[in-house]
């Protein structure tokens, strides 16, 4: 029996993901919070007065919560009779491919890899010890705060998450959820710092982990 497939263009947070599914149930997409469209509900909410950074094929860029990727191509696609240009970006860490409308880079947070001169500022964030409120917060609240920081795409915010969880790690074993956030923050940091410095990831891991060693009693 021949199985029929539906080609879908799914718009999610300003990014278009094309894929194929064998069964289509609108209730499933609604439950997942995803809708099919060639434009967001209100395009004016996405457009910005901030000049959009343009990228060329071969450029490295950073996509929030996914990290460093390479612009593999710039392609035009016809959606509902309108032609739109998209950056085809491949995430270095896992090979995920994301299609980003060229006019929407500001809204989704696509940015350049940090410059080497910014690295000391990132290091300073990790070395700065502030009065912690971690113990006074529920895990659910901490998780939301950490995820919000990671989703900003700012390496400074990611560094704060890594710092806080590294400090917590010195006092107790991290839970499964805490460990996943720790690994995510570390991975994003290591990939971008090693790219900016053009050095091996192992060297970055050793460096940032050396900031958080147990004090000798």
Protein backbone atom coordinates (compact mmCIF):
# COMPACT_ATOMS: atom_id res chain seq x y z
CA UNK A 1 0.00 0.00 0.00
CA UNK A 2 1.45 3.34 -1.00
CA UNK A 3 1.72 5.81 1.83
CA UNK A 4 0.90 9.45 1.14
CA UNK A 5 3.10 12.20 2.54
CA UNK A 6 2.42 15.82 3.24
CA UNK A 7 5.13 18.44 2.74
CA UNK A 8 4.80 21.03 5.46
CA UNK A 9 6.32 24.42 6.04
CA UNK A 10 6.12 25.04 9.77
CA UNK A 11 6.65 28.50 11.19
CA UNK A 12 7.97 28.42 14.73
CA UNK A 13 9.27 31.54 16.47
CA UNK A 14 10.24 33.23 13.23
CA UNK A 15 12.07 30.26 11.79
CA UNK A 16 10.80 28.02 9.02
CA UNK A 17 11.34 24.28 9.24
CA UNK A 18 10.43 22.22 6.16
CA UNK A 19 9.79 18.53 6.74
CA UNK A 20 7.62 15.61 5.70
CA UNK A 21 5.14 13.65 7.76
CA UNK A 22 3.04 10.62 6.89
CA UNK A 23 0.00 11.60 8.91
CA UNK A 24 -1.35 15.09 9.37
CA UNK A 25 -3.66 16.00 12.22
CA UNK A 26 -4.12 19.75 12.91
CA UNK A 27 -4.95 18.91 16.51
CA UNK A 28 -1.44 17.53 17.00
CA UNK A 29 0.19 20.72 15.69
CA UNK A 30 -2.13 22.84 17.84
CA UNK A 31 -1.25 20.77 20.90
CA UNK A 32 2.46 21.28 20.14
CA UNK A 33 2.00 25.03 19.78
CA UNK A 34 3.00 25.00 16.13
CA UNK A 35 1.09 26.49 13.24
CA UNK A 36 1.61 26.33 9.49
CA UNK A 37 2.07 29.70 7.82
CA UNK A 38 4.28 31.60 5.46
CA UNK A 39 4.22 34.60 7.81
CA UNK A 40 3.74 35.16 11.53
CA UNK A 41 0.37 36.38 12.78
CA UNK A 42 1.62 39.94 12.92
CA UNK A 43 4.70 40.60 10.85
CA UNK A 44 5.11 44.03 12.43
CA UNK A 45 5.88 42.29 15.71
CA UNK A 46 8.94 40.72 14.12
CA UNK A 47 10.28 43.56 12.01
CA UNK A 48 12.69 45.82 13.84
CA UNK A 49 14.26 49.22 13.39
CA UNK A 50 17.59 47.62 14.29
CA UNK A 51 19.62 47.10 11.08
CA UNK A 52 19.67 43.40 10.23
CA UNK A 53 23.09 41.81 10.08
CA UNK A 54 23.67 40.21 6.72
CA UNK A 55 25.57 36.96 6.31
CA UNK A 56 27.30 35.35 3.37
CA UNK A 57 27.71 31.70 2.48
CA UNK A 58 30.52 30.27 4.59
CA UNK A 59 30.03 32.71 7.49
CA UNK A 60 29.83 31.41 11.03
CA UNK A 61 26.96 32.66 13.16
CA UNK A 62 25.30 31.87 16.48
CA UNK A 63 21.68 30.78 16.82
CA UNK A 64 20.19 31.10 20.35
CA UNK A 65 20.23 27.90 22.41
CA UNK A 66 21.84 25.95 19.55
CA UNK A 67 25.20 27.65 19.25
CA UNK A 68 27.65 28.12 16.42
CA UNK A 69 26.52 27.24 12.92
CA UNK A 70 27.68 27.79 9.37
CA UNK A 71 25.68 29.50 6.63
CA UNK A 72 25.63 26.74 4.04
CA UNK A 73 23.52 28.52 1.45
CA UNK A 74 21.12 31.36 0.77
CA UNK A 75 18.05 30.07 -0.99
CA UNK A 76 14.77 31.45 -2.29
CA UNK A 77 11.54 29.60 -1.61
CA UNK A 78 8.06 30.32 -2.90
CA UNK A 79 5.52 30.17 -0.09
CA UNK A 80 1.86 30.86 -0.82
CA UNK A 81 2.85 32.53 -4.06
CA UNK A 82 5.46 34.84 -2.50
CA UNK A 83 9.22 34.50 -2.85
CA UNK A 84 11.33 34.72 0.30
CA UNK A 85 15.08 34.42 0.86
CA UNK A 86 16.41 32.15 3.60
CA UNK A 87 19.73 31.47 5.26
CA UNK A 88 20.34 27.73 5.36
CA UNK A 89 22.32 27.28 8.56
CA UNK A 90 23.92 24.05 9.77
CA UNK A 91 24.66 23.82 13.49
CA UNK A 92 28.26 22.69 14.00
CA UNK A 93 27.59 20.65 17.13
CA UNK A 94 24.87 18.32 15.87
CA UNK A 95 24.36 18.98 12.16
CA UNK A 96 20.84 20.39 12.59
CA UNK A 97 19.77 22.49 9.61
CA UNK A 98 17.68 25.62 10.21
CA UNK A 99 16.06 27.89 7.63
CA UNK A 100 16.03 31.53 8.75
CA UNK A 101 14.28 34.30 6.79
CA UNK A 102 16.93 36.85 5.84
CA UNK A 103 14.67 39.69 6.99
CA UNK A 104 14.13 38.11 10.40
CA UNK A 105 17.62 37.67 11.83
CA UNK A 106 17.17 40.37 14.48
CA UNK A 107 13.99 38.88 15.88
CA UNK A 108 15.30 35.33 16.13
CA UNK A 109 18.60 36.53 17.63
CA UNK A 110 20.97 35.30 14.94
CA UNK A 111 24.32 37.01 15.54
CA UNK A 112 28.01 36.89 14.79
CA UNK A 113 30.44 34.84 16.84
CA UNK A 114 31.94 37.01 19.57
CA UNK A 115 35.26 38.67 18.81
CA UNK A 116 38.45 37.56 20.51
CA UNK A 117 38.61 40.86 22.40
CA UNK A 118 35.29 40.02 24.09
CA UNK A 119 36.60 36.77 25.57
CA UNK A 120 38.13 38.40 28.71
CA UNK A 121 34.69 39.85 29.51
CA UNK A 122 33.11 36.40 29.30
CA UNK A 123 35.87 35.01 31.50
CA UNK A 124 35.25 37.79 34.02
CA UNK A 125 31.57 36.84 34.23
CA UNK A 126 32.51 33.28 35.16
CA UNK A 127 35.06 34.43 37.72
CA UNK A 128 32.75 36.93 39.39
CA UNK A 129 31.25 35.55 42.57
CA UNK A 130 28.00 37.14 43.65
CA UNK A 131 25.76 36.47 46.60
CA UNK A 132 23.84 33.43 45.44
CA UNK A 133 20.09 32.98 45.81
CA UNK A 134 20.18 29.48 44.36
CA UNK A 135 19.38 27.73 47.63
CA UNK A 136 16.35 29.95 48.21
CA UNK A 137 14.71 29.16 44.87
CA UNK A 138 12.69 26.17 43.80
CA UNK A 139 14.16 24.05 41.04
CA UNK A 140 11.29 24.91 38.67
CA UNK A 141 11.96 28.62 39.08
CA UNK A 142 15.71 28.18 38.63
CA UNK A 143 15.15 26.05 35.54
CA UNK A 144 12.94 28.70 33.93
CA UNK A 145 15.43 31.44 34.71
CA UNK A 146 18.35 29.46 33.34
CA UNK A 147 16.48 28.46 30.19
CA UNK A 148 15.41 32.06 29.60
CA UNK A 149 19.06 33.12 29.81
CA UNK A 150 20.20 30.41 27.43
CA UNK A 151 17.45 31.29 24.94
CA UNK A 152 18.61 34.92 24.75
CA UNK A 153 21.58 33.77 22.71
CA UNK A 154 23.88 36.03 24.75
CA UNK A 155 27.12 34.30 25.68
CA UNK A 156 27.27 36.51 28.77
CA UNK A 157 23.96 35.06 29.97
CA UNK A 158 25.13 31.54 29.16
CA UNK A 159 28.30 32.18 31.15
CA UNK A 160 26.18 33.16 34.15
CA UNK A 161 24.26 29.89 33.96
CA UNK A 162 27.47 27.90 33.72
CA UNK A 163 28.96 29.84 36.65
CA UNK A 164 25.97 29.35 38.94
CA UNK A 165 25.67 25.64 38.23
CA UNK A 166 29.43 25.15 38.57
CA UNK A 167 29.31 26.75 42.01
CA UNK A 168 26.32 24.60 42.95
CA UNK A 169 28.21 21.55 41.70
CA UNK A 170 30.91 22.22 44.29
CA UNK A 171 28.41 21.81 47.11
CA UNK A 172 26.27 18.89 45.92
CA UNK A 173 25.69 16.42 43.14
CA UNK A 174 23.64 18.01 40.41
CA UNK A 175 20.23 16.56 39.65
CA UNK A 176 19.52 15.15 36.20
CA UNK A 177 17.88 18.40 35.08
CA UNK A 178 20.64 20.56 36.53
CA UNK A 179 23.27 18.41 34.84
CA UNK A 180 21.56 18.78 31.46
CA UNK A 181 21.52 22.56 31.81
CA UNK A 182 25.13 22.52 32.94
CA UNK A 183 26.16 20.46 29.91
CA UNK A 184 24.15 22.72 27.57
CA UNK A 185 25.71 25.90 28.94
CA UNK A 186 29.19 24.41 28.87
CA UNK A 187 28.75 23.17 25.31
CA UNK A 188 27.59 26.57 24.06
CA UNK A 189 30.45 28.30 25.85
CA UNK A 190 33.14 25.91 24.70
CA UNK A 191 32.08 25.88 21.06
CA UNK A 192 31.89 29.65 20.72
CA UNK A 193 34.99 30.45 22.78
CA UNK A 194 37.09 27.91 20.89
CA UNK A 195 35.79 29.33 17.59
CA UNK A 196 36.52 32.91 18.62
CA UNK A 197 39.99 32.02 19.87
CA UNK A 198 40.67 29.48 17.10
CA UNK A 199 41.85 26.89 19.58
CA UNK A 200 40.94 23.34 20.58
CA UNK A 201 37.80 22.77 22.60
CA UNK A 202 39.69 20.66 25.13
CA UNK A 203 41.81 23.68 26.06
CA UNK A 204 38.69 25.79 26.67
CA UNK A 205 37.10 23.05 28.80
CA UNK A 206 40.20 22.83 30.99
CA UNK A 207 40.38 26.60 31.33
CA UNK A 208 36.78 27.26 32.35
CA UNK A 209 36.59 24.24 34.65
CA UNK A 210 39.72 25.48 36.45
CA UNK A 211 37.71 28.49 37.67
CA UNK A 212 35.63 26.18 39.86
CA UNK A 213 37.77 23.95 42.01
CA UNK A 214 36.94 22.91 45.58
CA UNK A 215 38.66 24.96 48.23
CA UNK A 216 41.21 23.11 50.30
CA UNK A 217 40.10 22.57 53.88
